[in-house]
Amino acid sequence: MITTIKDTTAQGIHPYQKSDPLRNEGDKPVSGGSVVAAERVDLSDKAKEFQRIRKILDKVPDVRHEKVQELKERIQSGSYAVDAGKVAAKMVGESLIDLIA
C-alpha cells in the first residue's frame, strides 16, 4: 500500500532548467516580470541554396504534358521504337552507380 507520493517533477525538471546555460542565454524579461526564451534559427549557405533550388523546382510541373502527348502520338502511329541496347546500357550503368554509392 502506498502512503505517500513524492512530486518528482518539481525536483527533477526545475533544477535542470535552471542549470541549463544554453536555455537561459536567450531568456528575456517581458512585462509582468516573467521570462520568455528567445528562439533563433541560422541557416547555412548550403541550406539557403537548397531552399532557393526547392522554390525553383516547385515551379516545374510534375508532368510534361507536351512530351506525353508527343509519345502517345508516336505510339499510336507506330513510329515509336525502343532501342534495347540503350535501355540495357542505362540499366547497367545505374546498377553500377548504386553499388558504388
C-alpha atoms as a PDB file:
ATOM      1  CA  MET A   1       0.000   0.000   0.000  1.00  0.00           C
ATOM      2  CA  ILE A   2       1.324   3.488  -0.933  1.00  0.00           C
ATOM      3  CA  THR A   3       1.100   6.002   1.866  1.00  0.00           C
ATOM      4  CA  THR A   4       2.891   8.986   0.314  1.00  0.00           C
ATOM      5  CA  ILE A   5       3.513  10.225  -3.200  1.00  0.00           C
ATOM      6  CA  LYS A   6       6.594  12.231  -3.882  1.00  0.00           C
ATOM      7  CA  ASP A   7       6.393  15.004  -6.505  1.00  0.00           C
ATOM      8  CA  THR A   8       9.450  14.272  -8.648  1.00  0.00           C
ATOM      9  CA  THR A   9       8.582  16.794 -11.358  1.00  0.00           C
ATOM     10  CA  ALA A  10       9.360  19.783  -9.198  1.00  0.00           C
ATOM     11  CA  GLN A  11      12.647  18.243  -8.082  1.00  0.00           C
ATOM     12  CA  GLY A  12      13.756  16.738 -11.419  1.00  0.00           C
ATOM     13  CA  ILE A  13      12.759  19.235 -14.072  1.00  0.00           C
ATOM     14  CA  HIS A  14      13.080  22.621 -12.467  1.00  0.00           C
ATOM     15  CA  PRO A  15      16.719  22.269 -11.319  1.00  0.00           C
ATOM     16  CA  TYR A  16      17.658  21.031 -14.796  1.00  0.00           C
ATOM     17  CA  GLN A  17      16.043  24.043 -16.449  1.00  0.00           C
ATOM     18  CA  LYS A  18      17.794  26.436 -14.070  1.00  0.00           C
ATOM     19  CA  SER A  19      21.219  24.889 -14.684  1.00  0.00           C
ATOM     20  CA  ASP A  20      20.951  24.754 -18.487  1.00  0.00           C
ATOM     21  CA  PRO A  21      23.155  27.687 -19.660  1.00  0.00           C
ATOM     22  CA  LEU A  22      22.007  27.481 -23.297  1.00  0.00           C
ATOM     23  CA  ARG A  23      18.374  27.729 -22.307  1.00  0.00           C
ATOM     24  CA  ASN A  24      18.928  30.767 -20.082  1.00  0.00           C
ATOM     25  CA  GLU A  25      21.147  32.698 -22.532  1.00  0.00           C
ATOM     26  CA  GLY A  26      18.259  33.744 -24.752  1.00  0.00           C
ATOM     27  CA  ASP A  27      15.780  34.393 -21.950  1.00  0.00           C
ATOM     28  CA  LYS A  28      14.500  37.913 -21.987  1.00  0.00           C
ATOM     29  CA  PRO A  29      12.225  39.517 -19.420  1.00  0.00           C
ATOM     30  CA  VAL A  30       8.871  40.778 -20.623  1.00  0.00           C
ATOM     31  CA  SER A  31       6.343  42.997 -18.939  1.00  0.00           C
ATOM     32  CA  GLY A  32       4.978  41.392 -15.812  1.00  0.00           C
ATOM     33  CA  GLY A  33       8.368  40.024 -14.744  1.00  0.00           C
ATOM     34  CA  SER A  34       8.065  36.639 -16.484  1.00  0.00           C
ATOM     35  CA  VAL A  35      10.822  35.258 -18.691  1.00  0.00           C
ATOM     36  CA  VAL A  36      10.368  34.180 -22.332  1.00  0.00           C
ATOM     37  CA  ALA A  37      13.008  32.168 -24.217  1.00  0.00           C
ATOM     38  CA  ALA A  38      14.119  33.787 -27.486  1.00  0.00           C
ATOM     39  CA  GLU A  39      14.398  31.433 -30.435  1.00  0.00           C
ATOM     40  CA  ARG A  40      16.746  31.883 -33.356  1.00  0.00           C
ATOM     41  CA  VAL A  41      17.407  29.847 -36.470  1.00  0.00           C
ATOM     42  CA  ASP A  42      20.537  30.328 -38.568  1.00  0.00           C
ATOM     43  CA  LEU A  43      20.625  28.655 -41.970  1.00  0.00           C
ATOM     44  CA  SER A  44      23.924  27.746 -43.562  1.00  0.00           C
ATOM     45  CA  ASP A  45      24.723  28.939 -47.074  1.00  0.00           C
ATOM     46  CA  LYS A  46      24.150  25.395 -48.316  1.00  0.00           C
ATOM     47  CA  ALA A  47      20.693  25.272 -46.693  1.00  0.00           C
ATOM     48  CA  LYS A  48      19.828  28.630 -48.245  1.00  0.00           C
ATOM     49  CA  GLU A  49      20.905  27.310 -51.663  1.00  0.00           C
ATOM     50  CA  PHE A  50      18.750  24.181 -51.194  1.00  0.00           C
ATOM     51  CA  GLN A  51      15.836  26.410 -50.256  1.00  0.00           C
ATOM     52  CA  ARG A  52      16.326  28.519 -53.400  1.00  0.00           C
ATOM     53  CA  ILE A  53      16.558  25.422 -55.620  1.00  0.00           C
ATOM     54  CA  ARG A  54      13.467  23.928 -53.979  1.00  0.00           C
ATOM     55  CA  LYS A  55      11.455  27.053 -54.834  1.00  0.00           C
ATOM     56  CA  ILE A  56      12.570  26.785 -58.468  1.00  0.00           C
ATOM     57  CA  LEU A  57      11.711  23.071 -58.621  1.00  0.00           C
ATOM     58  CA  ASP A  58       8.285  23.704 -57.118  1.00  0.00           C
ATOM     59  CA  LYS A  59       7.503  25.826 -60.194  1.00  0.00           C
ATOM     60  CA  VAL A  60       8.406  22.994 -62.610  1.00  0.00           C
ATOM     61  CA  PRO A  61       5.377  20.848 -63.485  1.00  0.00           C
ATOM     62  CA  ASP A  62       5.433  17.197 -62.423  1.00  0.00           C
ATOM     63  CA  VAL A  63       4.187  16.054 -65.827  1.00  0.00           C
ATOM     64  CA  ARG A  64       5.422  17.436 -69.144  1.00  0.00           C
ATOM     65  CA  HIS A  65       2.111  17.226 -70.980  1.00  0.00           C
ATOM     66  CA  GLU A  66       3.576  18.143 -74.374  1.00  0.00           C
ATOM     67  CA  LYS A  67       6.106  15.276 -74.099  1.00  0.00           C
ATOM     68  CA  VAL A  68       3.385  12.828 -73.034  1.00  0.00           C
ATOM     69  CA  GLN A  69       1.203  13.896 -75.961  1.00  0.00           C
ATOM     70  CA  GLU A  70       4.105  13.504 -78.400  1.00  0.00           C
ATOM     71  CA  LEU A  71       4.853   9.988 -77.142  1.00  0.00           C
ATOM     72  CA  LYS A  72       1.178   8.992 -77.324  1.00  0.00           C
ATOM     73  CA  GLU A  73       1.028  10.110 -80.949  1.00  0.00           C
ATOM     74  CA  ARG A  74       4.233   8.247 -81.847  1.00  0.00           C
ATOM     75  CA  ILE A  75       2.996   5.042 -80.170  1.00  0.00           C
ATOM     76  CA  GLN A  76      -0.396   5.246 -81.903  1.00  0.00           C
ATOM     77  CA  SER A  77       1.206   5.880 -85.290  1.00  0.00           C
ATOM     78  CA  GLY A  78       3.683   3.037 -84.818  1.00  0.00           C
ATOM     79  CA  SER A  79       6.751   5.270 -85.159  1.00  0.00           C
ATOM     80  CA  TYR A  80       7.890   4.847 -81.544  1.00  0.00           C
ATOM     81  CA  ALA A  81      10.751   2.362 -81.225  1.00  0.00           C
ATOM     82  CA  VAL A  82      12.721   1.379 -78.145  1.00  0.00           C
ATOM     83  CA  ASP A  83      16.473   0.898 -78.524  1.00  0.00           C
ATOM     84  CA  ALA A  84      17.092  -2.186 -76.355  1.00  0.00           C
ATOM     85  CA  GLY A  85      20.842  -1.548 -76.296  1.00  0.00           C
ATOM     86  CA  LYS A  86      20.390   1.926 -74.832  1.00  0.00           C
ATOM     87  CA  VAL A  87      17.947   0.626 -72.219  1.00  0.00           C
ATOM     88  CA  ALA A  88      20.337  -2.158 -71.185  1.00  0.00           C
ATOM     89  CA  ALA A  89      23.310   0.206 -71.015  1.00  0.00           C
ATOM     90  CA  LYS A  90      21.371   2.626 -68.827  1.00  0.00           C
ATOM     91  CA  MET A  91      20.228  -0.193 -66.512  1.00  0.00           C
ATOM     92  CA  VAL A  92      23.783  -1.496 -66.096  1.00  0.00           C
ATOM     93  CA  GLY A  93      25.157   1.994 -65.557  1.00  0.00           C
ATOM     94  CA  GLU A  94      22.586   2.773 -62.858  1.00  0.00           C
ATOM     95  CA  SER A  95      23.248  -0.574 -61.175  1.00  0.00           C
ATOM     96  CA  LEU A  96      26.957   0.220 -61.002  1.00  0.00           C
ATOM     97  CA  ILE A  97      26.241   3.658 -59.562  1.00  0.00           C
ATOM     98  CA  ASP A  98      24.011   2.055 -56.898  1.00  0.00           C
ATOM     99  CA  LEU A  99      26.800  -0.362 -55.980  1.00  0.00           C
ATOM    100  CA  ILE A 100      29.361   2.426 -55.654  1.00  0.00           C
ATOM    101  CA  ALA A 101      27.118   4.786 -53.686  1.00  0.00           C
END
